[in-house]
Protein backbone atom coordinates (compact mmCIF):
# COMPACT_ATOMS: atom_id res chain seq x y z
CA MET A 1 -12.63 -11.25 10.39
CA LYS A 2 -13.74 -8.71 7.67
CA ILE A 3 -10.67 -6.23 5.68
CA LEU A 4 -11.58 -3.54 3.19
CA VAL A 5 -9.57 -2.92 0.98
CA ILE A 6 -8.95 0.36 -0.73
CA ASN A 7 -7.43 0.66 -4.24
CA PRO A 8 -7.13 4.42 -4.24
CA VAL A 9 -7.78 5.79 -7.73
CA GLY A 10 -10.90 6.55 -9.60
CA THR A 11 -11.08 3.64 -11.58
CA PRO A 12 -11.77 -0.29 -10.85
CA ILE A 13 -9.55 -1.82 -13.22
CA TRP A 14 -7.55 -2.66 -10.07
CA ASP A 15 -10.14 -4.59 -8.46
CA GLU A 16 -10.44 -8.02 -9.32
CA LEU A 17 -6.48 -8.15 -9.58
CA THR A 18 -6.08 -7.28 -5.71
CA LEU A 19 -9.07 -9.54 -4.91
CA LYS A 20 -7.62 -12.71 -6.72
CA HIS A 21 -3.91 -12.35 -5.42
CA LEU A 22 -5.67 -11.96 -1.19
CA LYS A 23 -7.85 -14.64 -1.73
CA GLN A 24 -5.18 -16.80 -2.57
CA VAL A 25 -3.21 -16.42 0.28
CA ALA A 26 -6.22 -15.54 3.07
CA ASN A 27 -7.06 -16.98 6.20
CA PRO A 28 -9.65 -19.17 6.12
CA GLY A 29 -12.45 -17.21 7.16
CA THR A 30 -11.51 -14.08 6.63
CA GLU A 31 -13.62 -11.77 3.90
CA ILE A 32 -12.15 -9.66 1.70
CA VAL A 33 -14.13 -6.23 0.78
CA VAL A 34 -12.07 -4.21 -2.78
CA LYS A 35 -13.02 -1.11 -3.30
CA SER A 36 -11.74 1.78 -5.70
CA LEU A 37 -13.01 5.21 -5.48
CA PRO A 38 -15.95 6.73 -7.49
CA GLN A 39 -13.95 9.53 -8.70
CA GLY A 40 -10.24 10.53 -8.45
CA PRO A 41 -6.86 10.17 -10.19
CA GLU A 42 -6.15 7.20 -12.43
CA THR A 43 -3.24 6.59 -10.79
CA ILE A 44 -1.27 7.94 -7.91
CA GLU A 45 1.96 8.64 -9.66
CA SER A 46 3.29 12.01 -7.38
CA GLU A 47 2.67 14.14 -4.14
CA PHE A 48 0.15 15.85 -6.21
CA ASP A 49 -1.70 12.63 -7.22
CA LYS A 50 -1.60 11.39 -3.68
CA ALA A 51 -3.52 14.58 -2.16
CA LEU A 52 -5.94 14.50 -4.92
CA ALA A 53 -7.38 11.09 -4.14
CA GLU A 54 -7.02 11.53 -0.04
CA ARG A 55 -10.13 13.24 0.69
CA HIS A 56 -11.71 10.58 -1.65
CA VAL A 57 -10.10 7.81 0.13
CA VAL A 58 -11.56 9.30 3.28
CA GLU A 59 -14.89 9.77 2.29
CA VAL A 60 -15.10 5.93 1.10
CA VAL A 61 -13.68 4.76 3.98
CA ALA A 62 -16.31 7.14 6.35
CA ARG A 63 -19.20 5.71 4.43
CA GLU A 64 -18.10 1.71 4.46
CA LEU A 65 -17.48 2.29 8.26
CA LEU A 66 -19.79 4.30 9.53
CA SER A 67 -22.99 3.75 7.50
CA GLY A 68 -24.29 1.04 9.56
CA ARG A 69 -24.48 -1.86 6.65
CA GLU A 70 -20.85 -3.23 7.21
CA LYS A 71 -18.64 -3.97 10.02
CA TYR A 72 -14.74 -4.21 9.24
CA ASP A 73 -11.78 -5.15 11.19
CA ALA A 74 -9.45 -3.08 9.26
CA VAL A 75 -8.73 -1.32 6.56
CA MET A 76 -5.88 -1.70 4.01
CA ILE A 77 -5.04 1.25 1.68
CA ASN A 78 -3.38 -0.38 -1.53
CA CYS A 79 -1.15 2.45 -2.57
CA PHE A 80 2.81 2.51 -1.91
CA ASP A 81 1.96 6.21 -1.00
CA ASP A 82 -0.46 5.38 1.98
CA PRO A 83 -2.98 8.38 1.02
CA GLY A 84 -5.11 8.61 3.91
CA VAL A 85 -3.63 6.79 6.03
CA LYS A 86 -2.03 9.17 8.37
CA ALA A 87 -5.88 10.83 8.50
CA LEU A 88 -7.65 7.79 9.07
CA ARG A 89 -6.16 6.56 11.79
CA GLU A 90 -6.76 9.71 13.64
CA VAL A 91 -10.02 9.07 13.97
CA VAL A 92 -10.81 5.11 13.38
CA ARG A 93 -11.68 4.29 15.92
CA ASP A 94 -13.38 0.68 15.78
CA ALA A 95 -10.67 -0.92 12.78
CA LEU A 96 -6.88 -1.16 12.35
CA VAL A 97 -5.98 1.27 9.33
CA LEU A 98 -2.46 0.40 7.28
CA GLY A 99 -1.03 1.59 4.11
CA ILE A 100 1.26 -0.74 1.99
CA GLY A 101 4.08 1.57 1.55
CA GLU A 102 4.96 2.11 5.87
CA THR A 103 3.77 -2.02 6.20
CA SER A 104 6.00 -3.55 3.48
CA ILE A 105 9.02 -1.30 4.31
CA THR A 106 8.95 -2.20 7.89
CA ALA A 107 8.22 -5.87 7.10
CA ALA A 108 12.03 -5.29 4.97
CA LEU A 109 13.87 -4.19 7.73
CA MET A 110 13.50 -7.88 9.56
CA LEU A 111 14.90 -9.27 6.06
CA GLY A 112 17.99 -7.25 5.41
CA PHE A 113 20.04 -3.93 6.65
CA SER A 114 20.19 -2.42 3.68
CA ILE A 115 16.89 -1.80 1.60
CA ALA A 116 16.07 -1.07 -2.02
CA ILE A 117 12.62 0.60 -3.45
CA ILE A 118 11.84 0.28 -6.74
CA SER A 119 8.20 1.44 -8.41
CA THR A 120 7.63 2.68 -11.33
CA GLY A 121 9.29 6.21 -13.55
CA ARG A 122 12.32 7.95 -12.33
CA GLU A 123 10.68 10.28 -10.12
CA SER A 124 10.17 7.48 -7.49
CA LYS A 125 13.87 7.80 -6.70
CA ALA A 126 13.31 11.46 -5.17
CA ILE A 127 9.62 10.31 -3.73
CA TYR A 128 11.56 7.53 -1.82
CA ARG A 129 14.24 8.55 -0.84
CA ARG A 130 11.99 11.54 0.90
CA ARG A 131 9.66 8.59 2.46
CA ALA A 132 12.96 6.88 3.64
CA ALA A 133 13.98 10.11 5.56
CA GLU A 134 10.03 10.82 7.00
CA LEU A 135 10.38 6.96 8.77
CA GLY A 136 13.89 7.33 10.03
CA LEU A 137 15.61 5.01 7.30
CA LEU A 138 18.17 6.89 5.05
CA ASP A 139 20.91 4.59 6.89
CA ARG A 140 18.65 1.38 5.55
CA VAL A 141 17.26 2.45 1.97
CA VAL A 142 20.19 1.99 -0.40
CA TYR A 143 18.44 2.45 -3.11
CA ALA A 144 15.72 4.30 -4.66
CA GLY A 145 14.57 4.02 -8.19
CA GLY A 146 11.90 3.11 -10.93
CA ILE A 147 11.30 1.68 -14.03
CA ASN A 148 10.69 2.73 -17.42
CA LEU A 149 6.98 2.24 -17.49
CA PRO A 150 3.78 4.24 -16.09
CA VAL A 151 1.52 2.38 -13.65
CA LEU A 152 -1.30 2.08 -16.21
CA LYS A 153 1.21 -0.14 -18.62
CA LEU A 154 2.34 -2.19 -15.86
CA ARG A 155 0.34 -4.87 -16.56
CA GLU A 156 -0.07 -4.81 -20.99
CA ASP A 157 2.98 -6.86 -20.78
CA GLU A 158 3.68 -8.48 -17.84
CA THR A 159 7.02 -10.46 -19.03
CA ALA A 160 8.32 -7.20 -20.25
CA THR A 161 7.37 -5.43 -16.53
CA LEU A 162 9.49 -8.33 -14.90
CA LYS A 163 12.38 -7.98 -17.31
CA ALA A 164 12.45 -4.26 -15.97
CA LEU A 165 12.07 -4.73 -12.64
CA GLU A 166 14.56 -7.24 -12.60
CA GLU A 167 17.04 -5.09 -14.70
CA GLU A 168 16.77 -2.10 -11.89
CA GLY A 169 16.31 -4.88 -9.13
CA ARG A 170 20.24 -6.52 -10.19
CA ARG A 171 21.27 -2.58 -10.17
CA ALA A 172 19.96 -2.03 -6.73
CA VAL A 173 21.90 -5.60 -5.78
CA GLU A 174 24.85 -5.67 -7.39
CA GLU A 175 25.71 -1.82 -7.54
CA TYR A 176 23.99 -0.21 -4.48
CA GLY A 177 24.25 -3.44 -2.32
CA ALA A 178 20.50 -4.17 -1.79
CA GLU A 179 19.85 -7.52 0.46
CA VAL A 180 16.58 -6.76 -0.21
CA ILE A 181 13.82 -4.80 -2.35
CA VAL A 182 10.78 -3.96 -2.14
CA LEU A 183 8.26 -3.04 -4.92
CA GLY A 184 6.39 0.35 -4.59
CA CYS A 185 3.50 -0.21 -6.20
CA GLY A 186 0.64 -2.13 -5.37
CA GLY A 187 0.08 -3.15 -9.28
CA MET A 188 3.10 -5.00 -9.22
CA VAL A 189 1.02 -7.53 -7.09
CA GLY A 190 1.81 -11.38 -7.58
CA MET A 191 5.72 -10.76 -9.25
CA ALA A 192 7.46 -10.72 -6.05
CA GLN A 193 7.79 -14.79 -5.80
CA GLU A 194 9.58 -14.76 -9.41
CA LEU A 195 11.60 -11.55 -9.01
CA SER A 196 13.06 -13.23 -5.75
CA ARG A 197 13.93 -16.30 -7.49
CA ARG A 198 15.55 -14.30 -9.96
CA LEU A 199 17.63 -12.10 -8.39
CA ARG A 200 18.11 -14.68 -4.69
CA VAL A 201 17.23 -12.19 -2.53
CA PRO A 202 14.05 -11.50 -0.34
CA VAL A 203 11.45 -9.59 -3.07
CA VAL A 204 8.57 -7.66 -0.77
CA ASP A 205 4.97 -7.67 -2.30
CA PRO A 206 3.54 -4.79 -0.49
CA THR A 207 0.10 -5.57 -1.00
CA ILE A 208 0.44 -9.38 -0.09
CA THR A 209 2.92 -8.66 2.71
CA THR A 210 0.15 -5.76 4.14
CA PHE A 211 -2.19 -7.66 4.10
CA LYS A 212 -0.84 -10.94 5.83
CA VAL A 213 0.00 -8.19 8.63
CA THR A 214 -3.01 -6.89 8.89
CA GLU A 215 -4.47 -10.75 9.44
CA ALA A 216 -2.02 -11.17 12.17
CA LEU A 217 -2.56 -7.72 13.66
CA VAL A 218 -6.38 -8.08 14.00
CA VAL A 219 -5.68 -11.69 15.36
CA ALA A 220 -3.80 -10.26 18.03
CA GLY A 221 -6.21 -7.42 18.72
CA LEU A 222 -3.94 -4.68 17.78
CA LYS A 223 -5.44 -1.20 16.81
CA HIS A 224 -3.70 1.95 16.63
CA SER A 225 -3.22 4.30 19.45
CA HIS A 226 -5.53 7.04 20.08
CA ILE A 227 -4.69 9.21 23.25
CA TYR A 228 -3.86 12.42 21.19
CA ALA A 229 -6.47 11.76 18.37
CA PRO A 230 -8.24 15.15 18.13
CA PRO A 231 -12.16 15.38 19.14
CA HIS A 232 -13.45 17.35 16.44
CA ALA A 233 -11.67 15.21 13.95
CA ILE A 234 -13.81 12.61 14.72
CA LYS A 235 -17.11 14.26 14.85
CA ARG A 236 -15.90 15.70 11.56
CA PHE A 237 -15.40 12.72 9.95
CA GLN A 238 -18.72 10.77 11.41
CA ALA A 239 -20.26 13.73 9.49
CA LEU A 240 -18.92 12.62 6.45
CA THR A 241 -20.92 9.95 6.39
CA LYS A 242 -24.31 11.86 5.93
CA SER A 243 -22.48 13.75 2.45
CA CYS A 244 -21.46 10.77 1.27
CA LYS A 245 -24.59 9.11 1.15
């Protein structure tokens, strides 16, 4: 199978790191293509950033899927805010589309009742409480918070980042009763296993978890329902290919 992974930011700095970690867990025969955006916000840390990125995400996917040069079995949007995922599900017919936010939260529900989401920045609390409400999970997401580091600083000192995540995770477990922690940023890829060891609870890596779910759904032959997909949106999506060349 062939999976297109989009880092939905206007910088390629995450591409090599993402590919490295996904190759470590990929099934034999799975081909991975990782792409960032030619333009767009450097990070997605707010609803405004997400809105800025979404059109560029759709354009990149349109170019890749409709150009005729490549055939993909699935598209994975590697940002916890899932920019463009709902729009792409309306118009992409031949490939599965998953985002790491919705998928990793859903996977966490199978590992415990009380879930915590830990991302970056104090604003995360409001953002991911809203996300929990949208998913109908306010009774399951008992804590949402963020470490005091911006996304672009996450990999500068990984020891310090792990320490900050551990402190926030311990708070979620001990004070709020979280049984499972979901890391709320693709930039934290590869950190979940060590955090799980320290905290002694399951810690979900959204990038790796979503990738493995993607592989499983492709093998199972499953894609999104299009029974109510608007035909005019599909035509506009196809027209994007010409404007993106």
